[in-house]
């Protein structure tokens, strides 16, 4: 088994008689008593140290929101560099971009609406709706289907058109 193989596609290695146990994947996290392995809601498997720091991960976190997809509660986008996260705050409804130090770099300004969610609408508009379906905020870029929202490794959150052009960005790189 390769470390970081997508979940659901891993097949156990064939049984080979040996005097030593075969190890299919090494996380190199020995010496961390109290560490915990977690399968997150974003399909990434992460080994956390007892202090909550990530020691190892499979790297299957999602950095893109495609047309028609939503961010709810505990779901988030994470940059490929793992330095940035875009989170829909379940408690207050604010869509917030954080850096690795947990410092907010950008926010939609939609706090005070528990249960709100973000959606990249089929027409290409990024919007935040209240739990009751009221529009709270949008970037106003409707009119092009096939768009995708990407949280880049440099921390910039960019809405790309289907042809690859930039339609909107936070400018946080």
Protein backbone atom coordinates (compact mmCIF):
# COMPACT_ATOMS: atom_id res chain seq x y z
CA UNK A 1 0.00 0.00 0.00
CA UNK A 2 1.32 3.45 -0.85
CA UNK A 3 1.05 6.23 1.71
CA UNK A 4 -1.53 8.68 0.50
CA UNK A 5 -3.47 6.31 -1.77
CA UNK A 6 -7.06 7.50 -2.30
CA UNK A 7 -9.47 5.90 0.13
CA UNK A 8 -11.52 3.17 -1.48
CA UNK A 9 -8.85 2.21 -4.01
CA UNK A 10 -6.37 0.59 -1.65
CA UNK A 11 -6.07 -3.17 -1.93
CA UNK A 12 -4.25 -5.14 0.75
CA UNK A 13 -0.88 -6.46 -0.34
CA UNK A 14 -0.67 -10.17 -1.10
CA UNK A 15 0.29 -12.32 1.88
CA UNK A 16 3.94 -13.23 1.60
CA UNK A 17 5.37 -15.60 4.20
CA UNK A 18 8.08 -13.82 6.15
CA UNK A 19 9.60 -13.88 9.59
CA UNK A 20 9.14 -10.12 9.90
CA UNK A 21 5.82 -8.31 9.65
CA UNK A 22 5.40 -6.33 6.43
CA UNK A 23 4.70 -2.65 6.81
CA UNK A 24 2.72 -1.14 3.97
CA UNK A 25 3.07 2.49 4.96
CA UNK A 26 5.34 4.36 7.36
CA UNK A 27 4.12 7.66 8.76
CA UNK A 28 7.38 8.35 10.63
CA UNK A 29 5.40 9.58 13.64
CA UNK A 30 6.92 7.31 16.29
CA UNK A 31 7.69 8.95 19.61
CA UNK A 32 4.41 10.84 19.84
CA UNK A 33 2.50 9.25 22.74
CA UNK A 34 -1.19 10.08 22.68
CA UNK A 35 -1.24 10.59 18.90
CA UNK A 36 -4.56 9.95 17.17
CA UNK A 37 -5.39 8.91 13.60
CA UNK A 38 -8.49 10.65 12.22
CA UNK A 39 -10.45 10.26 9.00
CA UNK A 40 -11.76 13.77 8.42
CA UNK A 41 -14.94 14.86 6.65
CA UNK A 42 -12.80 16.11 3.72
CA UNK A 43 -11.60 12.49 3.16
CA UNK A 44 -8.09 13.26 4.42
CA UNK A 45 -6.58 10.88 6.95
CA UNK A 46 -4.47 12.78 9.48
CA UNK A 47 -2.27 11.70 12.39
CA UNK A 48 -2.58 14.32 15.14
CA UNK A 49 -0.17 14.71 18.04
CA UNK A 50 -1.47 14.94 21.60
CA UNK A 51 -1.33 18.76 21.30
CA UNK A 52 -3.55 18.77 18.21
CA UNK A 53 -0.81 19.44 15.66
CA UNK A 54 -0.88 17.50 12.38
CA UNK A 55 2.04 15.07 12.25
CA UNK A 56 1.19 13.27 9.00
CA UNK A 57 -1.61 13.22 6.42
CA UNK A 58 -2.56 11.45 3.23
CA UNK A 59 -2.97 14.66 1.26
CA UNK A 60 -6.47 14.07 -0.01
CA UNK A 61 -7.88 17.35 1.29
CA UNK A 62 -9.92 19.34 -1.21
CA UNK A 63 -8.70 22.75 -2.39
CA UNK A 64 -11.49 23.33 -4.95
CA UNK A 65 -15.20 24.00 -4.95
CA UNK A 66 -16.79 23.11 -8.26
CA UNK A 67 -19.93 24.56 -9.78
CA UNK A 68 -22.97 23.46 -7.76
CA UNK A 69 -20.96 22.41 -4.67
CA UNK A 70 -21.46 23.77 -1.15
CA UNK A 71 -19.51 24.32 2.09
CA UNK A 72 -21.46 23.54 5.26
CA UNK A 73 -20.53 23.53 8.95
CA UNK A 74 -17.35 21.52 9.39
CA UNK A 75 -16.50 21.27 5.68
CA UNK A 76 -13.65 23.38 4.37
CA UNK A 77 -11.21 23.92 1.54
CA UNK A 78 -7.50 23.58 2.27
CA UNK A 79 -4.67 24.80 0.07
CA UNK A 80 -2.34 22.17 -1.43
CA UNK A 81 0.47 23.67 0.70
CA UNK A 82 -1.67 23.09 3.83
CA UNK A 83 -0.97 26.70 4.82
CA UNK A 84 -4.49 28.06 4.30
CA UNK A 85 -8.11 27.03 5.00
CA UNK A 86 -11.44 28.43 3.86
CA UNK A 87 -14.07 27.60 6.47
CA UNK A 88 -17.80 28.27 6.67
CA UNK A 89 -18.14 29.08 10.36
CA UNK A 90 -20.97 26.87 11.60
CA UNK A 91 -21.47 28.94 14.73
CA UNK A 92 -21.91 32.32 13.09
CA UNK A 93 -22.18 31.85 9.31
CA UNK A 94 -19.09 33.82 8.32
CA UNK A 95 -17.02 32.44 5.41
CA UNK A 96 -13.40 32.97 6.52
CA UNK A 97 -9.98 32.38 4.96
CA UNK A 98 -7.31 31.54 7.57
CA UNK A 99 -3.55 31.16 7.32
CA UNK A 100 -1.51 28.42 9.03
CA UNK A 101 -1.28 30.53 12.22
CA UNK A 102 -5.10 30.63 12.37
CA UNK A 103 -5.16 34.34 11.52
CA UNK A 104 -8.10 35.51 9.43
CA UNK A 105 -6.97 36.96 6.08
CA UNK A 106 -10.37 37.53 4.50
CA UNK A 107 -14.04 37.13 5.47
CA UNK A 108 -17.42 37.45 3.78
CA UNK A 109 -18.78 39.57 6.63
CA UNK A 110 -21.81 37.30 7.11
CA UNK A 111 -21.38 36.61 10.84
CA UNK A 112 -24.45 36.40 13.06
CA UNK A 113 -26.19 33.79 10.90
CA UNK A 114 -25.73 30.32 12.44
CA UNK A 115 -26.41 27.57 9.91
CA UNK A 116 -25.33 29.65 6.90
CA UNK A 117 -23.55 27.90 4.04
CA UNK A 118 -21.47 28.87 1.01
CA UNK A 119 -22.28 27.67 -2.50
CA UNK A 120 -20.66 28.04 -5.90
CA UNK A 121 -23.84 28.34 -7.92
CA UNK A 122 -24.20 26.59 -11.27
CA UNK A 123 -24.15 29.99 -13.01
CA UNK A 124 -20.70 30.77 -11.55
CA UNK A 125 -21.56 33.00 -8.59
CA UNK A 126 -20.04 32.39 -5.14
CA UNK A 127 -22.67 33.13 -2.49
CA UNK A 128 -23.42 32.68 1.20
CA UNK A 129 -26.98 31.83 2.23
CA UNK A 130 -28.60 31.76 5.65
CA UNK A 131 -29.95 28.47 6.99
CA UNK A 132 -33.39 29.61 5.79
CA UNK A 133 -32.18 30.30 2.23
CA UNK A 134 -31.80 34.08 2.39
CA UNK A 135 -28.92 35.47 0.30
CA UNK A 136 -26.42 37.08 2.69
CA UNK A 137 -23.48 37.80 0.38
CA UNK A 138 -22.23 37.10 -3.13
CA UNK A 139 -19.37 38.07 -5.42
CA UNK A 140 -21.82 38.94 -8.22
CA UNK A 141 -20.17 36.88 -10.95
CA UNK A 142 -23.18 34.96 -12.26
CA UNK A 143 -23.38 34.25 -15.96
CA UNK A 144 -20.84 31.54 -16.69
CA UNK A 145 -21.38 27.89 -15.85
CA UNK A 146 -18.46 25.58 -15.16
CA UNK A 147 -16.63 27.97 -12.84
CA UNK A 148 -14.50 26.69 -9.98
CA UNK A 149 -13.30 28.25 -6.73
CA UNK A 150 -9.67 27.39 -5.91
CA UNK A 151 -7.76 27.98 -2.68
CA UNK A 152 -4.22 28.26 -4.01
CA UNK A 153 -0.99 27.39 -2.20
CA UNK A 154 -0.13 31.10 -1.96
CA UNK A 155 -3.31 31.83 0.05
CA UNK A 156 -5.24 33.53 -2.72
CA UNK A 157 -8.86 32.36 -3.10
CA UNK A 158 -9.68 32.61 -6.81
CA UNK A 159 -12.87 32.07 -8.79
CA UNK A 160 -11.93 30.82 -12.26
CA UNK A 161 -14.19 30.70 -15.30
CA UNK A 162 -14.59 27.47 -17.26
CA UNK A 163 -12.01 28.82 -19.74
CA UNK A 164 -9.49 29.52 -16.94
CA UNK A 165 -9.85 33.28 -16.66
CA UNK A 166 -9.97 34.94 -13.23
CA UNK A 167 -13.48 36.19 -12.40
CA UNK A 168 -12.85 37.18 -8.77
CA UNK A 169 -10.11 36.84 -6.12
CA UNK A 170 -9.52 37.75 -2.49
CA UNK A 171 -6.06 39.15 -3.29
CA UNK A 172 -4.60 37.48 -0.19
CA UNK A 173 -1.50 35.98 -1.85
